[in-house]
C-alpha atoms as a PDB file:
ATOM      1  CA  MET A   1     -35.469 -90.970  69.420  1.00  0.00           C
ATOM      2  CA  ILE A   2     -33.266 -88.400  71.078  1.00  0.00           C
ATOM      3  CA  HIS A   3     -34.875 -85.220  72.320  1.00  0.00           C
ATOM      4  CA  THR A   4     -32.929 -82.053  73.042  1.00  0.00           C
ATOM      5  CA  ASP A   5     -33.964 -78.983  74.913  1.00  0.00           C
ATOM      6  CA  LEU A   6     -32.060 -76.673  72.608  1.00  0.00           C
ATOM      7  CA  PRO A   7     -34.164 -73.835  71.180  1.00  0.00           C
ATOM      8  CA  PRO A   8     -34.669 -73.779  67.429  1.00  0.00           C
ATOM      9  CA  VAL A   9     -32.099 -71.864  65.422  1.00  0.00           C
ATOM     10  CA  GLN A  10     -33.491 -68.585  64.208  1.00  0.00           C
ATOM     11  CA  ALA A  11     -32.420 -67.110  60.905  1.00  0.00           C
ATOM     12  CA  ALA A  12     -30.325 -63.991  61.214  1.00  0.00           C
ATOM     13  CA  VAL A  13     -32.448 -61.007  60.393  1.00  0.00           C
ATOM     14  CA  THR A  14     -30.741 -58.019  58.813  1.00  0.00           C
ATOM     15  CA  PRO A  15     -32.224 -54.772  59.970  1.00  0.00           C
ATOM     16  CA  PRO A  16     -33.607 -52.629  57.190  1.00  0.00           C
ATOM     17  CA  PRO A  17     -31.277 -49.824  56.055  1.00  0.00           C
ATOM     18  CA  ALA A  18     -32.015 -46.483  57.486  1.00  0.00           C
ATOM     19  CA  LYS A  19     -33.687 -44.181  55.047  1.00  0.00           C
ATOM     20  CA  ARG A  20     -31.597 -41.230  54.003  1.00  0.00           C
ATOM     21  CA  ARG A  21     -33.404 -37.980  53.950  1.00  0.00           C
ATOM     22  CA  ARG A  22     -33.616 -36.387  50.598  1.00  0.00           C
ATOM     23  CA  GLY A  23     -31.726 -33.167  50.187  1.00  0.00           C
ATOM     24  CA  THR A  24     -29.234 -33.911  52.927  1.00  0.00           C
ATOM     25  CA  LEU A  25     -25.472 -34.330  52.470  1.00  0.00           C
ATOM     26  CA  THR A  26     -23.330 -37.028  53.912  1.00  0.00           C
ATOM     27  CA  HIS A  27     -20.377 -36.122  56.092  1.00  0.00           C
ATOM     28  CA  PRO A  28     -17.759 -36.497  53.285  1.00  0.00           C
ATOM     29  CA  SER A  29     -19.908 -34.355  50.983  1.00  0.00           C
ATOM     30  CA  ARG A  30     -20.209 -31.622  53.573  1.00  0.00           C
ATOM     31  CA  THR A  31     -16.451 -31.713  54.136  1.00  0.00           C
ATOM     32  CA  GLY A  32     -15.814 -31.425  50.404  1.00  0.00           C
ATOM     33  CA  MET A  33     -18.213 -28.471  50.107  1.00  0.00           C
ATOM     34  CA  LEU A  34     -16.471 -26.711  52.993  1.00  0.00           C
ATOM     35  CA  LEU A  35     -13.065 -27.281  51.398  1.00  0.00           C
ATOM     36  CA  VAL A  36     -14.072 -25.842  48.003  1.00  0.00           C
ATOM     37  CA  ALA A  37     -16.111 -22.980  49.489  1.00  0.00           C
ATOM     38  CA  PRO A  38     -13.192 -20.481  49.673  1.00  0.00           C
ATOM     39  CA  ALA A  39     -12.202 -21.123  46.049  1.00  0.00           C
ATOM     40  CA  PHE A  40     -15.856 -20.849  45.009  1.00  0.00           C
ATOM     41  CA  LEU A  41     -16.246 -17.528  46.833  1.00  0.00           C
ATOM     42  CA  PHE A  42     -13.054 -16.159  45.308  1.00  0.00           C
ATOM     43  CA  THR A  43     -14.195 -17.201  41.840  1.00  0.00           C
ATOM     44  CA  LEU A  44     -17.594 -15.660  42.453  1.00  0.00           C
ATOM     45  CA  ALA A  45     -16.128 -12.396  43.723  1.00  0.00           C
ATOM     46  CA  LEU A  46     -13.202 -12.027  41.323  1.00  0.00           C
ATOM     47  CA  VAL A  47     -14.520 -13.599  38.099  1.00  0.00           C
ATOM     48  CA  VAL A  48     -18.282 -14.071  37.922  1.00  0.00           C
ATOM     49  CA  PHE A  49     -19.372 -10.776  39.485  1.00  0.00           C
ATOM     50  CA  PRO A  50     -16.843  -8.596  37.563  1.00  0.00           C
ATOM     51  CA  LEU A  51     -17.792 -10.307  34.315  1.00  0.00           C
ATOM     52  CA  GLY A  52     -21.486  -9.780  34.930  1.00  0.00           C
ATOM     53  CA  PHE A  53     -20.866  -6.146  35.892  1.00  0.00           C
ATOM     54  CA  ALA A  54     -18.782  -5.675  32.730  1.00  0.00           C
ATOM     55  CA  VAL A  55     -21.698  -6.952  30.644  1.00  0.00           C
ATOM     56  CA  TYR A  56     -23.960  -4.408  32.326  1.00  0.00           C
ATOM     57  CA  ILE A  57     -21.430  -1.597  31.674  1.00  0.00           C
ATOM     58  CA  SER A  58     -21.333  -2.572  27.998  1.00  0.00           C
ATOM     59  CA  LEU A  59     -25.088  -1.909  27.819  1.00  0.00           C
ATOM     60  CA  THR A  60     -24.637   1.711  28.984  1.00  0.00           C
ATOM     61  CA  ASN A  61     -22.823   4.784  27.812  1.00  0.00           C
ATOM     62  CA  TRP A  62     -20.951   4.887  31.214  1.00  0.00           C
ATOM     63  CA  PRO A  63     -18.652   7.867  30.821  1.00  0.00           C
ATOM     64  CA  LEU A  64     -15.915   8.207  33.406  1.00  0.00           C
ATOM     65  CA  ILE A  65     -17.222  11.688  34.004  1.00  0.00           C
ATOM     66  CA  GLY A  66     -20.938  12.277  33.693  1.00  0.00           C
ATOM     67  CA  ARG A  67     -24.278  10.529  34.040  1.00  0.00           C
ATOM     68  CA  VAL A  68     -24.703   6.864  33.218  1.00  0.00           C
ATOM     69  CA  LYS A  69     -27.464   6.001  30.736  1.00  0.00           C
ATOM     70  CA  PHE A  70     -28.728   2.570  29.675  1.00  0.00           C
ATOM     71  CA  ILE A  71     -28.524   2.295  25.881  1.00  0.00           C
ATOM     72  CA  GLY A  72     -29.053  -1.438  25.275  1.00  0.00           C
ATOM     73  CA  PHE A  73     -27.042  -2.984  22.441  1.00  0.00           C
ATOM     74  CA  ASP A  74     -26.031   0.294  20.809  1.00  0.00           C
ATOM     75  CA  ASN A  75     -22.382  -0.224  21.719  1.00  0.00           C
ATOM     76  CA  TYR A  76     -22.403  -3.641  20.044  1.00  0.00           C
ATOM     77  CA  ARG A  77     -24.036  -2.231  16.925  1.00  0.00           C
ATOM     78  CA  ALA A  78     -21.442   0.554  16.751  1.00  0.00           C
ATOM     79  CA  ILE A  79     -18.576  -1.968  16.506  1.00  0.00           C
ATOM     80  CA  GLY A  80     -19.342  -2.542  12.838  1.00  0.00           C
ATOM     81  CA  GLN A  81     -18.588   1.138  12.110  1.00  0.00           C
ATOM     82  CA  ASP A  82     -15.440   1.303  14.240  1.00  0.00           C
ATOM     83  CA  THR A  83     -12.804   1.117  11.516  1.00  0.00           C
ATOM     84  CA  THR A  84      -9.931   1.642  13.982  1.00  0.00           C
ATOM     85  CA  PHE A  85     -11.017  -1.402  15.972  1.00  0.00           C
ATOM     86  CA  TRP A  86     -11.061  -3.590  12.884  1.00  0.00           C
ATOM     87  CA  HIS A  87      -7.685  -2.293  11.760  1.00  0.00           C
ATOM     88  CA  ALA A  88      -6.305  -2.955  15.238  1.00  0.00           C
ATOM     89  CA  THR A  89      -7.787  -6.464  15.150  1.00  0.00           C
ATOM     90  CA  LEU A  90      -6.177  -7.197  11.791  1.00  0.00           C
ATOM     91  CA  TYR A  91      -2.824  -5.835  12.962  1.00  0.00           C
ATOM     92  CA  THR A  92      -3.008  -7.879  16.146  1.00  0.00           C
ATOM     93  CA  LEU A  93      -3.734 -11.022  14.147  1.00  0.00           C
ATOM     94  CA  ILE A  94      -0.748 -10.364  11.857  1.00  0.00           C
ATOM     95  CA  TYR A  95       1.502  -9.662  14.841  1.00  0.00           C
ATOM     96  CA  THR A  96       0.306 -12.864  16.554  1.00  0.00           C
ATOM     97  CA  ALA A  97       0.996 -14.908  13.424  1.00  0.00           C
ATOM     98  CA  ILE A  98       4.471 -13.439  13.105  1.00  0.00           C
ATOM     99  CA  VAL A  99       5.699 -14.107  16.652  1.00  0.00           C
ATOM    100  CA  THR A 100       3.945 -17.365  17.617  1.00  0.00           C
ATOM    101  CA  VAL A 101       5.866 -19.793  15.419  1.00  0.00           C
ATOM    102  CA  PRO A 102       9.385 -18.313  16.082  1.00  0.00           C
ATOM    103  CA  ILE A 103       8.728 -18.288  19.836  1.00  0.00           C
ATOM    104  CA  PHE A 104       7.806 -21.980  19.750  1.00  0.00           C
ATOM    105  CA  LEU A 105      10.645 -23.058  17.446  1.00  0.00           C
ATOM    106  CA  LEU A 106      13.278 -21.104  19.336  1.00  0.00           C
ATOM    107  CA  GLY A 107      11.937 -22.329  22.682  1.00  0.00           C
ATOM    108  CA  TYR A 108      11.847 -25.931  21.479  1.00  0.00           C
ATOM    109  CA  GLY A 109      15.389 -25.771  20.108  1.00  0.00           C
ATOM    110  CA  MET A 110      16.729 -24.342  23.355  1.00  0.00           C
ATOM    111  CA  ALA A 111      14.781 -26.908  25.388  1.00  0.00           C
ATOM    112  CA  VAL A 112      16.480 -29.675  23.418  1.00  0.00           C
ATOM    113  CA  LEU A 113      19.869 -28.162  24.319  1.00  0.00           C
ATOM    114  CA  VAL A 114      19.217 -27.811  28.037  1.00  0.00           C
ATOM    115  CA  ARG A 115      16.936 -30.800  28.828  1.00  0.00           C
ATOM    116  CA  SER A 116      19.939 -32.886  29.895  1.00  0.00           C
ATOM    117  CA  ASN A 117      22.218 -32.102  32.819  1.00  0.00           C
ATOM    118  CA  ARG A 118      25.261 -31.554  30.673  1.00  0.00           C
ATOM    119  CA  ARG A 119      27.877 -29.049  31.707  1.00  0.00           C
ATOM    120  CA  GLY A 120      26.776 -25.418  31.400  1.00  0.00           C
ATOM    121  CA  SER A 121      23.094 -26.214  30.862  1.00  0.00           C
ATOM    122  CA  VAL A 122      22.026 -24.541  34.145  1.00  0.00           C
ATOM    123  CA  PHE A 123      23.789 -21.296  33.195  1.00  0.00           C
ATOM    124  CA  PHE A 124      22.218 -21.420  29.722  1.00  0.00           C
ATOM    125  CA  ARG A 125      18.749 -21.923  31.157  1.00  0.00           C
ATOM    126  CA  THR A 126      19.173 -18.988  33.513  1.00  0.00           C
ATOM    127  CA  ALA A 127      20.515 -16.709  30.798  1.00  0.00           C
ATOM    128  CA  VAL A 128      17.671 -17.526  28.397  1.00  0.00           C
ATOM    129  CA  PHE A 129      14.935 -17.294  31.019  1.00  0.00           C
ATOM    130  CA  LEU A 130      16.272 -14.041  32.521  1.00  0.00           C
ATOM    131  CA  PRO A 131      14.600 -11.685  29.971  1.00  0.00           C
ATOM    132  CA  TYR A 132      11.191 -13.129  30.889  1.00  0.00           C
ATOM    133  CA  VAL A 133      11.918 -12.554  34.576  1.00  0.00           C
ATOM    134  CA  ILE A 134      12.990  -8.953  33.969  1.00  0.00           C
ATOM    135  CA  GLY A 135       9.650  -8.203  32.353  1.00  0.00           C
ATOM    136  CA  LEU A 136       8.520  -6.876  29.019  1.00  0.00           C
ATOM    137  CA  SER A 137       8.000  -3.303  30.256  1.00  0.00           C
ATOM    138  CA  THR A 138      11.587  -2.969  31.432  1.00  0.00           C
ATOM    139  CA  LEU A 139      12.909  -4.555  28.260  1.00  0.00           C
ATOM    140  CA  SER A 140      10.802  -2.177  26.177  1.00  0.00           C
ATOM    141  CA  PHE A 141      12.307   0.868  27.877  1.00  0.00           C
ATOM    142  CA  ILE A 142      15.831  -0.557  27.337  1.00  0.00           C
ATOM    143  CA  THR A 143      15.009  -1.225  23.666  1.00  0.00           C
ATOM    144  CA  LEU A 144      13.680   2.335  23.311  1.00  0.00           C
ATOM    145  CA  LEU A 145      17.122   3.626  24.326  1.00  0.00           C
ATOM    146  CA  GLU A 146      19.112   1.154  22.250  1.00  0.00           C
ATOM    147  CA  VAL A 147      17.347   1.880  18.927  1.00  0.00           C
ATOM    148  CA  GLN A 148      17.735   5.663  19.075  1.00  0.00           C
ATOM    149  CA  PRO A 149      19.375   7.174  15.943  1.00  0.00           C
ATOM    150  CA  GLY A 150      23.040   7.963  16.456  1.00  0.00           C
ATOM    151  CA  THR A 151      23.311   6.988  20.102  1.00  0.00           C
ATOM    152  CA  GLY A 152      21.644   3.586  20.379  1.00  0.00           C
ATOM    153  CA  ALA A 153      23.659   0.387  20.486  1.00  0.00           C
ATOM    154  CA  VAL A 154      21.760  -1.078  17.508  1.00  0.00           C
ATOM    155  CA  ASN A 155      22.691   1.748  15.160  1.00  0.00           C
ATOM    156  CA  THR A 156      26.231   1.876  16.512  1.00  0.00           C
ATOM    157  CA  VAL A 157      26.786  -1.818  15.767  1.00  0.00           C
ATOM    158  CA  LEU A 158      25.180  -1.587  12.346  1.00  0.00           C
ATOM    159  CA  LYS A 159      27.341   1.428  11.500  1.00  0.00           C
ATOM    160  CA  PHE A 160      30.452  -0.424  12.645  1.00  0.00           C
ATOM    161  CA  LEU A 161      29.553  -3.306  10.344  1.00  0.00           C
ATOM    162  CA  GLY A 162      29.000  -0.885   7.473  1.00  0.00           C
ATOM    163  CA  LEU A 163      25.333  -1.787   7.006  1.00  0.00           C
ATOM    164  CA  THR A 164      23.834   1.637   7.817  1.00  0.00           C
ATOM    165  CA  ASP A 165      24.954   5.172   8.517  1.00  0.00           C
ATOM    166  CA  GLY A 166      23.921   4.818  12.158  1.00  0.00           C
ATOM    167  CA  GLN A 167      21.003   7.254  11.876  1.00  0.00           C
ATOM    168  CA  THR A 168      18.148   4.844  11.239  1.00  0.00           C
ATOM    169  CA  ALA A 169      14.919   5.814  13.026  1.00  0.00           C
ATOM    170  CA  TRP A 170      13.467   2.387  13.688  1.00  0.00           C
ATOM    171  CA  LEU A 171      10.254   3.413  15.418  1.00  0.00           C
ATOM    172  CA  VAL A 172       8.835   6.040  13.033  1.00  0.00           C
ATOM    173  CA  ASP A 173       7.699   3.641  10.288  1.00  0.00           C
ATOM    174  CA  THR A 174       5.280   0.754  10.605  1.00  0.00           C
ATOM    175  CA  ILE A 175       7.377  -2.104   9.249  1.00  0.00           C
ATOM    176  CA  PRO A 176      10.676  -1.312  11.061  1.00  0.00           C
ATOM    177  CA  ALA A 177       8.807  -0.622  14.303  1.00  0.00           C
ATOM    178  CA  THR A 178       6.892  -3.885  14.056  1.00  0.00           C
ATOM    179  CA  ALA A 179      10.126  -5.736  13.306  1.00  0.00           C
ATOM    180  CA  VAL A 180      11.800  -4.306  16.401  1.00  0.00           C
ATOM    181  CA  ILE A 181       8.851  -5.234  18.600  1.00  0.00           C
ATOM    182  CA  CYS A 182       8.638  -8.750  17.153  1.00  0.00           C
ATOM    183  CA  VAL A 183      12.346  -9.391  17.769  1.00  0.00           C
ATOM    184  CA  LEU A 184      11.994  -8.086  21.320  1.00  0.00           C
ATOM    185  CA  VAL A 185       8.972 -10.274  22.093  1.00  0.00           C
ATOM    186  CA  ILE A 186      10.482 -13.421  20.535  1.00  0.00           C
ATOM    187  CA  TRP A 187      13.641 -12.945  22.589  1.00  0.00           C
ATOM    188  CA  ALA A 188      11.721 -12.282  25.814  1.00  0.00           C
ATOM    189  CA  ALA A 189       9.007 -14.960  25.491  1.00  0.00           C
ATOM    190  CA  SER A 190      11.087 -17.867  24.187  1.00  0.00           C
ATOM    191  CA  GLY A 191      12.590 -18.393  27.632  1.00  0.00           C
ATOM    192  CA  LEU A 192       9.220 -19.323  29.162  1.00  0.00           C
ATOM    193  CA  THR A 193       8.479 -21.655  26.243  1.00  0.00           C
ATOM    194  CA  MET A 194      11.885 -23.281  26.737  1.00  0.00           C
ATOM    195  CA  MET A 195      11.217 -23.926  30.438  1.00  0.00           C
ATOM    196  CA  LEU A 196       7.757 -25.404  29.849  1.00  0.00           C
ATOM    197  CA  LEU A 197       8.927 -27.678  27.043  1.00  0.00           C
ATOM    198  CA  MET A 198      12.040 -28.717  28.963  1.00  0.00           C
ATOM    199  CA  ALA A 199       9.881 -29.740  31.942  1.00  0.00           C
ATOM    200  CA  GLY A 200       7.691 -31.799  29.635  1.00  0.00           C
ATOM    201  CA  MET A 201      10.704 -33.438  28.009  1.00  0.00           C
ATOM    202  CA  GLN A 202      12.257 -34.352  31.343  1.00  0.00           C
ATOM    203  CA  ALA A 203       8.946 -35.995  32.391  1.00  0.00           C
ATOM    204  CA  ILE A 204       9.115 -38.502  29.509  1.00  0.00           C
ATOM    205  CA  PRO A 205      10.346 -41.890  30.835  1.00  0.00           C
ATOM    206  CA  GLN A 206      13.851 -42.781  29.704  1.00  0.00           C
ATOM    207  CA  GLU A 207      12.673 -46.325  28.986  1.00  0.00           C
ATOM    208  CA  VAL A 208      10.740 -45.025  25.976  1.00  0.00           C
ATOM    209  CA  TYR A 209      13.923 -43.698  24.397  1.00  0.00           C
ATOM    210  CA  GLU A 210      15.760 -46.897  25.224  1.00  0.00           C
ATOM    211  CA  SER A 211      13.073 -48.896  23.425  1.00  0.00           C
ATOM    212  CA  ALA A 212      13.395 -46.608  20.434  1.00  0.00           C
ATOM    213  CA  ASP A 213      17.168 -47.160  20.444  1.00  0.00           C
ATOM    214  CA  LEU A 214      16.634 -50.908  20.381  1.00  0.00           C
ATOM    215  CA  ASP A 215      14.388 -50.456  17.347  1.00  0.00           C
ATOM    216  CA  GLY A 216      17.197 -48.570  15.593  1.00  0.00           C
ATOM    217  CA  ALA A 217      15.560 -45.137  15.687  1.00  0.00           C
ATOM    218  CA  GLY A 218      17.813 -42.146  15.091  1.00  0.00           C
ATOM    219  CA  TRP A 219      17.682 -38.738  16.740  1.00  0.00           C
ATOM    220  CA  TRP A 220      15.169 -37.251  14.325  1.00  0.00           C
ATOM    221  CA  ALA A 221      12.961 -40.335  14.504  1.00  0.00           C
ATOM    222  CA  LYS A 222      12.880 -40.173  18.296  1.00  0.00           C
ATOM    223  CA  GLU A 223      12.018 -36.489  18.243  1.00  0.00           C
ATOM    224  CA  LEU A 224       9.222 -36.918  15.716  1.00  0.00           C
ATOM    225  CA  ARG A 225       7.799 -40.230  16.941  1.00  0.00           C
ATOM    226  CA  VAL A 226       8.462 -40.087  20.690  1.00  0.00           C
ATOM    227  CA  THR A 227       9.095 -36.572  21.997  1.00  0.00           C
ATOM    228  CA  LEU A 228       6.561 -34.577  19.998  1.00  0.00           C
ATOM    229  CA  PRO A 229       3.606 -36.974  20.505  1.00  0.00           C
ATOM    230  CA  LEU A 230       4.250 -37.151  24.241  1.00  0.00           C
ATOM    231  CA  LEU A 231       4.520 -33.354  24.453  1.00  0.00           C
ATOM    232  CA  ARG A 232       1.180 -32.584  22.858  1.00  0.00           C
ATOM    233  CA  ARG A 233      -0.367 -31.226  26.045  1.00  0.00           C
ATOM    234  CA  THR A 234       2.690 -29.126  26.840  1.00  0.00           C
ATOM    235  CA  ILE A 235       2.828 -27.855  23.271  1.00  0.00           C
ATOM    236  CA  ALA A 236      -0.863 -26.942  23.480  1.00  0.00           C
ATOM    237  CA  LEU A 237      -0.209 -25.047  26.695  1.00  0.00           C
ATOM    238  CA  THR A 238       2.722 -23.071  25.275  1.00  0.00           C
ATOM    239  CA  LEU A 239       0.884 -22.168  22.075  1.00  0.00           C
ATOM    240  CA  ILE A 240      -2.228 -21.080  23.964  1.00  0.00           C
ATOM    241  CA  LEU A 241      -0.180 -18.902  26.297  1.00  0.00           C
ATOM    242  CA  SER A 242       1.720 -17.412  23.365  1.00  0.00           C
ATOM    243  CA  VAL A 243      -1.435 -16.609  21.400  1.00  0.00           C
ATOM    244  CA  ILE A 244      -3.237 -15.114  24.424  1.00  0.00           C
ATOM    245  CA  GLY A 245      -0.188 -13.015  25.278  1.00  0.00           C
ATOM    246  CA  SER A 246       0.045 -11.750  21.696  1.00  0.00           C
ATOM    247  CA  PHE A 247      -3.649 -10.854  21.558  1.00  0.00           C
ATOM    248  CA  LEU A 248      -3.342  -8.934  24.841  1.00  0.00           C
ATOM    249  CA  ALA A 249      -0.148  -7.108  23.772  1.00  0.00           C
ATOM    250  CA  PHE A 250      -0.033  -3.618  25.168  1.00  0.00           C
ATOM    251  CA  ASN A 251       3.121  -2.652  27.094  1.00  0.00           C
ATOM    252  CA  GLN A 252       5.699  -2.978  24.303  1.00  0.00           C
ATOM    253  CA  PHE A 253       3.556  -1.106  21.770  1.00  0.00           C
ATOM    254  CA  TYR A 254       2.582   1.643  24.190  1.00  0.00           C
ATOM    255  CA  ILE A 255       6.190   2.235  25.273  1.00  0.00           C
ATOM    256  CA  LEU A 256       7.897   1.961  21.900  1.00  0.00           C
ATOM    257  CA  THR A 257       5.398   3.354  19.365  1.00  0.00           C
ATOM    258  CA  GLN A 258       2.296   4.506  21.265  1.00  0.00           C
ATOM    259  CA  GLY A 259       0.317   3.022  18.403  1.00  0.00           C
ATOM    260  CA  GLY A 260       1.972   5.200  15.748  1.00  0.00           C
ATOM    261  CA  PRO A 261       2.691   6.393  13.258  1.00  0.00           C
ATOM    262  CA  GLY A 262      -0.991   7.327  13.342  1.00  0.00           C
ATOM    263  CA  THR A 263      -2.784   4.124  14.350  1.00  0.00           C
ATOM    264  CA  SER A 264      -0.714   1.780  12.186  1.00  0.00           C
ATOM    265  CA  THR A 265       0.731  -0.157  15.165  1.00  0.00           C
ATOM    266  CA  THR A 266      -2.313   0.083  17.422  1.00  0.00           C
ATOM    267  CA  THR A 267      -3.338  -3.255  18.913  1.00  0.00           C
ATOM    268  CA  VAL A 268      -6.773  -4.216  20.182  1.00  0.00           C
ATOM    269  CA  VAL A 269      -5.905  -3.636  23.816  1.00  0.00           C
ATOM    270  CA  MET A 270      -4.339  -0.255  22.987  1.00  0.00           C
ATOM    271  CA  TRP A 271      -7.527   0.832  21.253  1.00  0.00           C
ATOM    272  CA  ILE A 272      -9.610  -0.331  24.229  1.00  0.00           C
ATOM    273  CA  TYR A 273      -7.338   1.742  26.486  1.00  0.00           C
ATOM    274  CA  GLU A 274      -7.745   4.719  24.153  1.00  0.00           C
ATOM    275  CA  ARG A 275     -11.542   4.471  24.201  1.00  0.00           C
ATOM    276  CA  ALA A 276     -11.704   4.093  27.972  1.00  0.00           C
ATOM    277  CA  PHE A 277      -9.111   6.497  29.393  1.00  0.00           C
ATOM    278  CA  VAL A 278      -8.524   9.017  26.612  1.00  0.00           C
ATOM    279  CA  GLU A 279     -11.947   9.352  25.022  1.00  0.00           C
ATOM    280  CA  LEU A 280     -13.664   8.489  28.342  1.00  0.00           C
ATOM    281  CA  HIS A 281     -16.160   6.053  26.755  1.00  0.00           C
ATOM    282  CA  LEU A 282     -16.001   3.256  29.280  1.00  0.00           C
ATOM    283  CA  GLY A 283     -19.159   1.545  28.013  1.00  0.00           C
ATOM    284  CA  ALA A 284     -17.815   1.252  24.454  1.00  0.00           C
ATOM    285  CA  ALA A 285     -14.406   0.137  25.732  1.00  0.00           C
ATOM    286  CA  THR A 286     -16.004  -2.575  27.891  1.00  0.00           C
ATOM    287  CA  THR A 287     -17.963  -3.801  24.872  1.00  0.00           C
ATOM    288  CA  LEU A 288     -14.720  -4.179  22.929  1.00  0.00           C
ATOM    289  CA  SER A 289     -13.170  -6.007  25.895  1.00  0.00           C
ATOM    290  CA  ILE A 290     -16.027  -8.517  25.978  1.00  0.00           C
ATOM    291  CA  ILE A 291     -15.645  -9.122  22.238  1.00  0.00           C
ATOM    292  CA  LEU A 292     -11.911  -9.652  22.765  1.00  0.00           C
ATOM    293  CA  VAL A 293     -12.518 -12.155  25.595  1.00  0.00           C
ATOM    294  CA  VAL A 294     -14.912 -14.132  23.376  1.00  0.00           C
ATOM    295  CA  VAL A 295     -12.505 -14.155  20.423  1.00  0.00           C
ATOM    296  CA  VAL A 296      -9.529 -15.232  22.555  1.00  0.00           C
ATOM    297  CA  GLY A 297     -11.678 -17.933  24.183  1.00  0.00           C
ATOM    298  CA  ILE A 298     -12.750 -19.299  20.794  1.00  0.00           C
ATOM    299  CA  ILE A 299      -9.183 -19.337  19.443  1.00  0.00           C
ATOM    300  CA  SER A 300      -7.883 -21.033  22.617  1.00  0.00           C
ATOM    301  CA  ALA A 301     -10.614 -23.655  22.421  1.00  0.00           C
ATOM    302  CA  ILE A 302      -9.756 -24.369  18.773  1.00  0.00           C
ATOM    303  CA  GLN A 303      -6.082 -24.739  19.668  1.00  0.00           C
ATOM    304  CA  PHE A 304      -6.852 -27.039  22.591  1.00  0.00           C
ATOM    305  CA  PHE A 305      -9.180 -29.156  20.473  1.00  0.00           C
ATOM    306  CA  ALA A 306      -6.638 -29.440  17.660  1.00  0.00           C
ATOM    307  CA  LEU A 307      -3.783 -30.376  19.983  1.00  0.00           C
ATOM    308  CA  ARG A 308      -5.700 -32.457  22.523  1.00  0.00           C
ATOM    309  CA  GLN A 309      -4.182 -35.773  23.519  1.00  0.00           C
ATOM    310  CA  GLU A 310      -6.451 -38.741  22.942  1.00  0.00           C
ATOM    311  CA  ASP A 311      -6.317 -41.638  25.376  1.00  0.00           C
END
């Protein structure tokens, strides 16, 4: 028998894992918290606190001049008797329904024209997007000058064509004034829709269209079965932006009609402005603002749910 002096082999013993203290953060977690801390503080200071303060204001009478008094939910109860608010809400809904579809259709059609790098497409994109860059306030002032009876370019052209006598007062009646504002907004906002949809179209892989060509699909088939399904998120974004912008319409109505004649073209935001800075009832105006935020949030959520893209 052979004897050796080698010591017996000992099994490798793995040391027990160190216990992590509860409530402590690992180094990556601390780094992540530090990175998001500025955004969290900005959100807290610019969104959460103002929203909470607005809710408090809505529970008071809060005049711009005078003593503040806590009145509970009286402002919310008074909304049911505010006939001007409900008329403004109905008018805003009608205005939103009128402009949303033409803005999308016009923007989509122009996006189809400029999504390729064909000759002149860059100039066309710039020309169409320029009204949005100029701004709706500036365009409203220009429109105010161009629709004046006798001297405005609109009446001059219509008189030259023999359609009117050139003295039409477009902004003194509800329907003509609404038509002018709708045309202005559709022209100004379709450029942004065009740019968003064009960016979405250009992000679609070209191989998808090549596969559709091999299957014998025509132009309409590719638009309906390829482009539109792959643009659902972009379409949802454009429609949500359009609806929110229409619900918050203020500048063009204030500049062109100031809510008149009477209150026939008064939007929700215009009535909130009237309650706050003309009638000096900041508590009631804040209550209407909170209701508007809730309504716009619900409509946006419904749009996003209807147009969501399933995996």
